[in-house]
Amino acid sequence: MGFLIAFVLPSWRSPWTMLRIGVREDHRRRGVGSSLLEELTAALRREAPDCADTCLSAWLPGPAAAGFAEHHGFRPSVTSG
């Protein structure tokens, strides 16, 4: 029904996280992606409290991913032309 992949990566300033969430189309808008993100956020606070940034990645164009990201407070850092 869904998955989440997260990498905590080192940086000269402090570690940061890159994550990718996928939810099957027939299970979207049921809270699956939000629950995965909530669980990951709690795990990051426990396991990597010095993580400075979290980046959410998605294939573009991705209207569903863009809406999800915006709903959860993420903003674009790279856009396709």
PDB file of N, CA and C in Angstrom:
ATOM      1  N   MET A   1       0.813  -1.178   0.000  1.00  0.00           N
ATOM      2  CA  MET A   1       0.000   0.000   0.000  1.00  0.00           C
ATOM      3  C   MET A   1       0.860   1.246   0.000  1.00  0.00           C
ATOM      4  N   GLY A   2       2.005   1.259   0.672  1.00  0.00           N
ATOM      5  CA  GLY A   2       2.880   2.419   0.673  1.00  0.00           C
ATOM      6  C   GLY A   2       4.264   2.086   1.175  1.00  0.00           C
ATOM      7  N   PHE A   3       5.197   2.974   0.930  1.00  0.00           N
ATOM      8  CA  PHE A   3       6.569   2.783   1.407  1.00  0.00           C
ATOM      9  C   PHE A   3       7.195   4.138   1.702  1.00  0.00           C
ATOM     10  N   LEU A   4       8.271   4.100   2.455  1.00  0.00           N
ATOM     11  CA  LEU A   4       9.050   5.293   2.743  1.00  0.00           C
ATOM     12  C   LEU A   4      10.510   4.891   2.782  1.00  0.00           C
ATOM     13  N   ILE A   5      11.328   5.627   2.070  1.00  0.00           N
ATOM     14  CA  ILE A   5      12.778   5.422   2.088  1.00  0.00           C
ATOM     15  C   ILE A   5      13.389   6.714   2.611  1.00  0.00           C
ATOM     16  N   ALA A   6      14.280   6.607   3.576  1.00  0.00           N
ATOM     17  CA  ALA A   6      14.920   7.796   4.132  1.00  0.00           C
ATOM     18  C   ALA A   6      16.416   7.556   4.284  1.00  0.00           C
ATOM     19  N   PHE A   7      17.180   8.556   3.950  1.00  0.00           N
ATOM     20  CA  PHE A   7      18.623   8.532   4.122  1.00  0.00           C
ATOM     21  C   PHE A   7      19.019   9.728   4.967  1.00  0.00           C
ATOM     22  N   VAL A   8      19.783   9.485   6.023  1.00  0.00           N
ATOM     23  CA  VAL A   8      20.377  10.573   6.794  1.00  0.00           C
ATOM     24  C   VAL A   8      21.793  10.730   6.250  1.00  0.00           C
ATOM     25  N   LEU A   9      22.089  11.899   5.723  1.00  0.00           N
ATOM     26  CA  LEU A   9      23.347  12.145   5.024  1.00  0.00           C
ATOM     27  C   LEU A   9      24.190  13.174   5.768  1.00  0.00           C
ATOM     28  N   PRO A  10      25.504  12.952   5.799  1.00  0.00           N
ATOM     29  CA  PRO A  10      26.380  13.913   6.468  1.00  0.00           C
ATOM     30  C   PRO A  10      26.535  15.179   5.626  1.00  0.00           C
ATOM     31  N   SER A  11      26.912  16.239   6.291  1.00  0.00           N
ATOM     32  CA  SER A  11      27.157  17.513   5.634  1.00  0.00           C
ATOM     33  C   SER A  11      28.177  18.275   6.465  1.00  0.00           C
ATOM     34  N   TRP A  12      28.782  19.283   5.879  1.00  0.00           N
ATOM     35  CA  TRP A  12      29.770  20.065   6.625  1.00  0.00           C
ATOM     36  C   TRP A  12      29.130  20.808   7.783  1.00  0.00           C
ATOM     37  N   ARG A  13      27.844  21.145   7.674  1.00  0.00           N
ATOM     38  CA  ARG A  13      27.146  21.890   8.721  1.00  0.00           C
ATOM     39  C   ARG A  13      26.527  20.938   9.739  1.00  0.00           C
ATOM     40  N   SER A  14      25.649  20.074   9.271  1.00  0.00           N
ATOM     41  CA  SER A  14      24.999  19.083  10.117  1.00  0.00           C
ATOM     42  C   SER A  14      24.294  18.079   9.200  1.00  0.00           C
ATOM     43  N   PRO A  15      23.965  16.897   9.706  1.00  0.00           N
ATOM     44  CA  PRO A  15      23.294  15.914   8.858  1.00  0.00           C
ATOM     45  C   PRO A  15      21.953  16.429   8.333  1.00  0.00           C
ATOM     46  N   TRP A  16      21.525  15.873   7.214  1.00  0.00           N
ATOM     47  CA  TRP A  16      20.228  16.196   6.646  1.00  0.00           C
ATOM     48  C   TRP A  16      19.601  14.912   6.127  1.00  0.00           C
ATOM     49  N   THR A  17      18.300  14.939   5.902  1.00  0.00           N
ATOM     50  CA  THR A  17      17.567  13.742   5.494  1.00  0.00           C
ATOM     51  C   THR A  17      16.935  13.932   4.130  1.00  0.00           C
ATOM     52  N   MET A  18      17.086  12.908   3.291  1.00  0.00           N
ATOM     53  CA  MET A  18      16.388  12.851   2.008  1.00  0.00           C
ATOM     54  C   MET A  18      15.391  11.715   2.113  1.00  0.00           C
ATOM     55  N   LEU A  19      14.134  11.995   1.802  1.00  0.00           N
ATOM     56  CA  LEU A  19      13.145  10.933   1.884  1.00  0.00           C
ATOM     57  C   LEU A  19      12.260  10.881   0.650  1.00  0.00           C
ATOM     58  N   ARG A  20      11.732   9.700   0.440  1.00  0.00           N
ATOM     59  CA  ARG A  20      10.833   9.435  -0.687  1.00  0.00           C
ATOM     60  C   ARG A  20       9.676   8.615  -0.165  1.00  0.00           C
ATOM     61  N   ILE A  21       8.464   9.074  -0.383  1.00  0.00           N
ATOM     62  CA  ILE A  21       7.260   8.371   0.042  1.00  0.00           C
ATOM     63  C   ILE A  21       6.496   7.962  -1.206  1.00  0.00           C
ATOM     64  N   GLY A  22       6.006   6.736  -1.194  1.00  0.00           N
ATOM     65  CA  GLY A  22       5.160   6.269  -2.287  1.00  0.00           C
ATOM     66  C   GLY A  22       3.932   5.576  -1.731  1.00  0.00           C
ATOM     67  N   VAL A  23       2.789   5.913  -2.280  1.00  0.00           N
ATOM     68  CA  VAL A  23       1.528   5.282  -1.874  1.00  0.00           C
ATOM     69  C   VAL A  23       0.791   4.892  -3.151  1.00  0.00           C
ATOM     70  N   ARG A  24       0.331   3.652  -3.196  1.00  0.00           N
ATOM     71  CA  ARG A  24      -0.432   3.209  -4.363  1.00  0.00           C
ATOM     72  C   ARG A  24      -1.607   4.144  -4.597  1.00  0.00           C
ATOM     73  N   GLU A  25      -1.905   4.383  -5.856  1.00  0.00           N
ATOM     74  CA  GLU A  25      -2.955   5.343  -6.193  1.00  0.00           C
ATOM     75  C   GLU A  25      -4.291   5.016  -5.535  1.00  0.00           C
ATOM     76  N   ASP A  26      -4.630   3.730  -5.455  1.00  0.00           N
ATOM     77  CA  ASP A  26      -5.916   3.360  -4.857  1.00  0.00           C
ATOM     78  C   ASP A  26      -5.937   3.480  -3.334  1.00  0.00           C
ATOM     79  N   HIS A  27      -4.805   3.847  -2.717  1.00  0.00           N
ATOM     80  CA  HIS A  27      -4.753   4.053  -1.265  1.00  0.00           C
ATOM     81  C   HIS A  27      -4.445   5.500  -0.890  1.00  0.00           C
ATOM     82  N   ARG A  28      -4.348   6.377  -1.880  1.00  0.00           N
ATOM     83  CA  ARG A  28      -4.048   7.782  -1.597  1.00  0.00           C
ATOM     84  C   ARG A  28      -5.249   8.486  -0.989  1.00  0.00           C
ATOM     85  N   ARG A  29      -4.961   9.578  -0.311  1.00  0.00           N
ATOM     86  CA  ARG A  29      -5.971  10.420   0.352  1.00  0.00           C
ATOM     87  C   ARG A  29      -6.697   9.669   1.461  1.00  0.00           C
ATOM     88  N   ARG A  30      -5.980   8.715   2.071  1.00  0.00           N
ATOM     89  CA  ARG A  30      -6.518   7.968   3.221  1.00  0.00           C
ATOM     90  C   ARG A  30      -5.613   8.122   4.445  1.00  0.00           C
ATOM     91  N   GLY A  31      -4.606   8.980   4.344  1.00  0.00           N
ATOM     92  CA  GLY A  31      -3.720   9.222   5.474  1.00  0.00           C
ATOM     93  C   GLY A  31      -2.494   8.330   5.538  1.00  0.00           C
ATOM     94  N   VAL A  32      -2.315   7.463   4.521  1.00  0.00           N
ATOM     95  CA  VAL A  32      -1.171   6.542   4.544  1.00  0.00           C
ATOM     96  C   VAL A  32       0.143   7.306   4.484  1.00  0.00           C
ATOM     97  N   GLY A  33       0.289   8.194   3.497  1.00  0.00           N
ATOM     98  CA  GLY A  33       1.527   8.970   3.363  1.00  0.00           C
ATOM     99  C   GLY A  33       1.782   9.857   4.574  1.00  0.00           C
ATOM    100  N   SER A  34       0.740  10.467   5.083  1.00  0.00           N
ATOM    101  CA  SER A  34       0.888  11.324   6.268  1.00  0.00           C
ATOM    102  C   SER A  34       1.326  10.516   7.478  1.00  0.00           C
ATOM    103  N   SER A  35       0.792   9.313   7.635  1.00  0.00           N
ATOM    104  CA  SER A  35       1.197   8.450   8.754  1.00  0.00           C
ATOM    105  C   SER A  35       2.649   8.032   8.622  1.00  0.00           C
ATOM    106  N   LEU A  36       3.067   7.682   7.396  1.00  0.00           N
ATOM    107  CA  LEU A  36       4.473   7.328   7.181  1.00  0.00           C
ATOM    108  C   LEU A  36       5.384   8.499   7.534  1.00  0.00           C
ATOM    109  N   LEU A  37       5.018   9.694   7.081  1.00  0.00           N
ATOM    110  CA  LEU A  37       5.827  10.876   7.371  1.00  0.00           C
ATOM    111  C   LEU A  37       5.862  11.171   8.867  1.00  0.00           C
ATOM    112  N   GLU A  38       4.753  11.014   9.542  1.00  0.00           N
ATOM    113  CA  GLU A  38       4.695  11.248  10.987  1.00  0.00           C
ATOM    114  C   GLU A  38       5.602  10.270  11.742  1.00  0.00           C
ATOM    115  N   GLU A  39       5.550   8.989  11.356  1.00  0.00           N
ATOM    116  CA  GLU A  39       6.408   7.984  11.997  1.00  0.00           C
ATOM    117  C   GLU A  39       7.884   8.283  11.744  1.00  0.00           C
ATOM    118  N   LEU A  40       8.215   8.667  10.526  1.00  0.00           N
ATOM    119  CA  LEU A  40       9.600   8.994  10.210  1.00  0.00           C
ATOM    120  C   LEU A  40      10.069  10.196  11.012  1.00  0.00           C
ATOM    121  N   THR A  41       9.252  11.218  11.105  1.00  0.00           N
ATOM    122  CA  THR A  41       9.618  12.416  11.850  1.00  0.00           C
ATOM    123  C   THR A  41       9.914  12.084  13.315  1.00  0.00           C
ATOM    124  N   ALA A  42       9.096  11.237  13.904  1.00  0.00           N
ATOM    125  CA  ALA A  42       9.331  10.816  15.291  1.00  0.00           C
ATOM    126  C   ALA A  42      10.635  10.025  15.395  1.00  0.00           C
ATOM    127  N   ALA A  43      10.883   9.144  14.439  1.00  0.00           N
ATOM    128  CA  ALA A  43      12.123   8.352  14.459  1.00  0.00           C
ATOM    129  C   ALA A  43      13.349   9.244  14.294  1.00  0.00           C
ATOM    130  N   LEU A  44      13.250  10.249  13.432  1.00  0.00           N
ATOM    131  CA  LEU A  44      14.385  11.159  13.245  1.00  0.00           C
ATOM    132  C   LEU A  44      14.685  11.945  14.516  1.00  0.00           C
ATOM    133  N   ARG A  45      13.646  12.376  15.221  1.00  0.00           N
ATOM    134  CA  ARG A  45      13.881  13.104  16.486  1.00  0.00           C
ATOM    135  C   ARG A  45      14.624  12.221  17.486  1.00  0.00           C
ATOM    136  N   ARG A  46      14.316  10.926  17.485  1.00  0.00           N
ATOM    137  CA  ARG A  46      14.985   9.997  18.411  1.00  0.00           C
ATOM    138  C   ARG A  46      16.387   9.632  17.937  1.00  0.00           C
ATOM    139  N   GLU A  47      16.514   9.254  16.665  1.00  0.00           N
ATOM    140  CA  GLU A  47      17.744   8.652  16.155  1.00  0.00           C
ATOM    141  C   GLU A  47      18.751   9.647  15.573  1.00  0.00           C
ATOM    142  N   ALA A  48      18.287  10.780  15.100  1.00  0.00           N
ATOM    143  CA  ALA A  48      19.178  11.764  14.486  1.00  0.00           C
ATOM    144  C   ALA A  48      18.732  13.169  14.886  1.00  0.00           C
ATOM    145  N   PRO A  49      18.799  13.478  16.182  1.00  0.00           N
ATOM    146  CA  PRO A  49      18.274  14.759  16.658  1.00  0.00           C
ATOM    147  C   PRO A  49      19.022  15.975  16.105  1.00  0.00           C
ATOM    148  N   ASP A  50      20.240  15.781  15.585  1.00  0.00           N
ATOM    149  CA  ASP A  50      21.002  16.907  15.054  1.00  0.00           C
ATOM    150  C   ASP A  50      20.756  17.137  13.566  1.00  0.00           C
ATOM    151  N   CYS A  51      19.804  16.424  12.980  1.00  0.00           N
ATOM    152  CA  CYS A  51      19.443  16.590  11.566  1.00  0.00           C
ATOM    153  C   CYS A  51      18.881  17.996  11.355  1.00  0.00           C
ATOM    154  N   ALA A  52      19.489  18.745  10.445  1.00  0.00           N
ATOM    155  CA  ALA A  52      19.085  20.135  10.250  1.00  0.00           C
ATOM    156  C   ALA A  52      17.949  20.294   9.242  1.00  0.00           C
ATOM    157  N   ASP A  53      17.946  19.494   8.184  1.00  0.00           N
ATOM    158  CA  ASP A  53      16.969  19.662   7.107  1.00  0.00           C
ATOM    159  C   ASP A  53      16.403  18.310   6.689  1.00  0.00           C
ATOM    160  N   THR A  54      15.166  18.348   6.219  1.00  0.00           N
ATOM    161  CA  THR A  54      14.542  17.175   5.633  1.00  0.00           C
ATOM    162  C   THR A  54      14.041  17.557   4.248  1.00  0.00           C
ATOM    163  N   CYS A  55      14.476  16.811   3.247  1.00  0.00           N
ATOM    164  CA  CYS A  55      14.070  17.058   1.869  1.00  0.00           C
ATOM    165  C   CYS A  55      13.202  15.896   1.400  1.00  0.00           C
ATOM    166  N   LEU A  56      12.111  16.232   0.755  1.00  0.00           N
ATOM    167  CA  LEU A  56      11.193  15.256   0.203  1.00  0.00           C
ATOM    168  C   LEU A  56      11.413  15.238  -1.304  1.00  0.00           C
ATOM    169  N   SER A  57      11.701  14.067  -1.861  1.00  0.00           N
ATOM    170  CA  SER A  57      11.960  13.994  -3.300  1.00  0.00           C
ATOM    171  C   SER A  57      10.781  13.363  -4.027  1.00  0.00           C
ATOM    172  N   ALA A  58      10.634  13.733  -5.308  1.00  0.00           N
ATOM    173  CA  ALA A  58       9.548  13.194  -6.129  1.00  0.00           C
ATOM    174  C   ALA A  58       9.899  13.365  -7.599  1.00  0.00           C
ATOM    175  N   TRP A  59       9.339  12.487  -8.424  1.00  0.00           N
ATOM    176  CA  TRP A  59       9.461  12.661  -9.865  1.00  0.00           C
ATOM    177  C   TRP A  59       8.606  13.846 -10.277  1.00  0.00           C
ATOM    178  N   LEU A  60       9.110  14.630 -11.212  1.00  0.00           N
ATOM    179  CA  LEU A  60       8.347  15.759 -11.734  1.00  0.00           C
ATOM    180  C   LEU A  60       7.990  15.491 -13.185  1.00  0.00           C
ATOM    181  N   PRO A  61       6.855  15.923 -13.666  1.00  0.00           N
ATOM    182  CA  PRO A  61       5.828  16.604 -12.888  1.00  0.00           C
ATOM    183  C   PRO A  61       5.105  15.621 -11.979  1.00  0.00           C
ATOM    184  N   GLY A  62       4.692  16.088 -10.840  1.00  0.00           N
ATOM    185  CA  GLY A  62       4.019  15.241  -9.863  1.00  0.00           C
ATOM    186  C   GLY A  62       3.001  16.030  -9.077  1.00  0.00           C
ATOM    187  N   PRO A  63       1.850  16.320  -9.660  1.00  0.00           N
ATOM    188  CA  PRO A  63       0.849  17.125  -8.949  1.00  0.00           C
ATOM    189  C   PRO A  63       0.450  16.541  -7.598  1.00  0.00           C
ATOM    190  N   ALA A  64       0.294  15.219  -7.507  1.00  0.00           N
ATOM    191  CA  ALA A  64      -0.090  14.611  -6.222  1.00  0.00           C
ATOM    192  C   ALA A  64       1.022  14.805  -5.194  1.00  0.00           C
ATOM    193  N   ALA A  65       2.263  14.600  -5.620  1.00  0.00           N
ATOM    194  CA  ALA A  65       3.405  14.774  -4.706  1.00  0.00           C
ATOM    195  C   ALA A  65       3.536  16.239  -4.293  1.00  0.00           C
ATOM    196  N   ALA A  66       3.327  17.148  -5.238  1.00  0.00           N
ATOM    197  CA  ALA A  66       3.425  18.579  -4.925  1.00  0.00           C
ATOM    198  C   ALA A  66       2.373  18.978  -3.892  1.00  0.00           C
ATOM    199  N   GLY A  67       1.152  18.493  -4.057  1.00  0.00           N
ATOM    200  CA  GLY A  67       0.094  18.803  -3.094  1.00  0.00           C
ATOM    201  C   GLY A  67       0.392  18.239  -1.719  1.00  0.00           C
ATOM    202  N   PHE A  68       0.892  16.993  -1.681  1.00  0.00           N
ATOM    203  CA  PHE A  68       1.255  16.358  -0.411  1.00  0.00           C
ATOM    204  C   PHE A  68       2.356  17.161   0.276  1.00  0.00           C
ATOM    205  N   ALA A  69       3.396  17.495  -0.488  1.00  0.00           N
ATOM    206  CA  ALA A  69       4.529  18.233   0.073  1.00  0.00           C
ATOM    207  C   ALA A  69       4.088  19.591   0.629  1.00  0.00           C
ATOM    208  N   GLU A  70       3.293  20.315  -0.144  1.00  0.00           N
ATOM    209  CA  GLU A  70       2.825  21.617   0.304  1.00  0.00           C
ATOM    210  C   GLU A  70       1.964  21.498   1.557  1.00  0.00           C
ATOM    211  N   HIS A  71       1.099  20.499   1.589  1.00  0.00           N
ATOM    212  CA  HIS A  71       0.235  20.268   2.752  1.00  0.00           C
ATOM    213  C   HIS A  71       1.048  20.049   4.024  1.00  0.00           C
ATOM    214  N   HIS A  72       2.244  19.437   3.875  1.00  0.00           N
ATOM    215  CA  HIS A  72       3.090  19.128   5.029  1.00  0.00           C
ATOM    216  C   HIS A  72       4.205  20.157   5.248  1.00  0.00           C
ATOM    217  N   GLY A  73       4.102  21.305   4.586  1.00  0.00           N
ATOM    218  CA  GLY A  73       5.032  22.395   4.866  1.00  0.00           C
ATOM    219  C   GLY A  73       6.328  22.374   4.079  1.00  0.00           C
ATOM    220  N   PHE A  74       6.464  21.483   3.111  1.00  0.00           N
ATOM    221  CA  PHE A  74       7.668  21.484   2.264  1.00  0.00           C
ATOM    222  C   PHE A  74       7.466  22.508   1.163  1.00  0.00           C
ATOM    223  N   ARG A  75       8.562  23.065   0.682  1.00  0.00           N
ATOM    224  CA  ARG A  75       8.495  24.000  -0.434  1.00  0.00           C
ATOM    225  C   ARG A  75       9.514  23.571  -1.498  1.00  0.00           C
ATOM    226  N   PRO A  76       9.242  23.886  -2.748  1.00  0.00           N
ATOM    227  CA  PRO A  76      10.153  23.454  -3.824  1.00  0.00           C
ATOM    228  C   PRO A  76      11.538  24.067  -3.685  1.00  0.00           C
ATOM    229  N   SER A  77      12.544  23.271  -3.999  1.00  0.00           N
ATOM    230  CA  SER A  77      13.913  23.808  -4.051  1.00  0.00           C
ATOM    231  C   SER A  77      14.451  23.708  -5.463  1.00  0.00           C
ATOM    232  N   VAL A  78      13.874  22.822  -6.289  1.00  0.00           N
ATOM    233  CA  VAL A  78      14.252  22.675  -7.687  1.00  0.00           C
ATOM    234  C   VAL A  78      12.966  22.435  -8.464  1.00  0.00           C
ATOM    235  N   THR A  79      12.832  23.089  -9.589  1.00  0.00           N
ATOM    236  CA  THR A  79      11.664  22.869 -10.430  1.00  0.00           C
ATOM    237  C   THR A  79      12.104  22.489 -11.831  1.00  0.00           C
ATOM    238  N   SER A  80      11.249  21.772 -12.522  1.00  0.00           N
ATOM    239  CA  SER A  80      11.571  21.413 -13.901  1.00  0.00           C
ATOM    240  C   SER A  80      11.143  22.536 -14.818  1.00  0.00           C
ATOM    241  N   GLY A  81      11.810  22.653 -15.959  1.00  0.00           N
ATOM    242  CA  GLY A  81      11.507  23.737 -16.866  1.00  0.00           C
ATOM    243  C   GLY A  81      10.741  23.289 -17.977  1.00  0.00           C
TER     244      GLY A  81
END
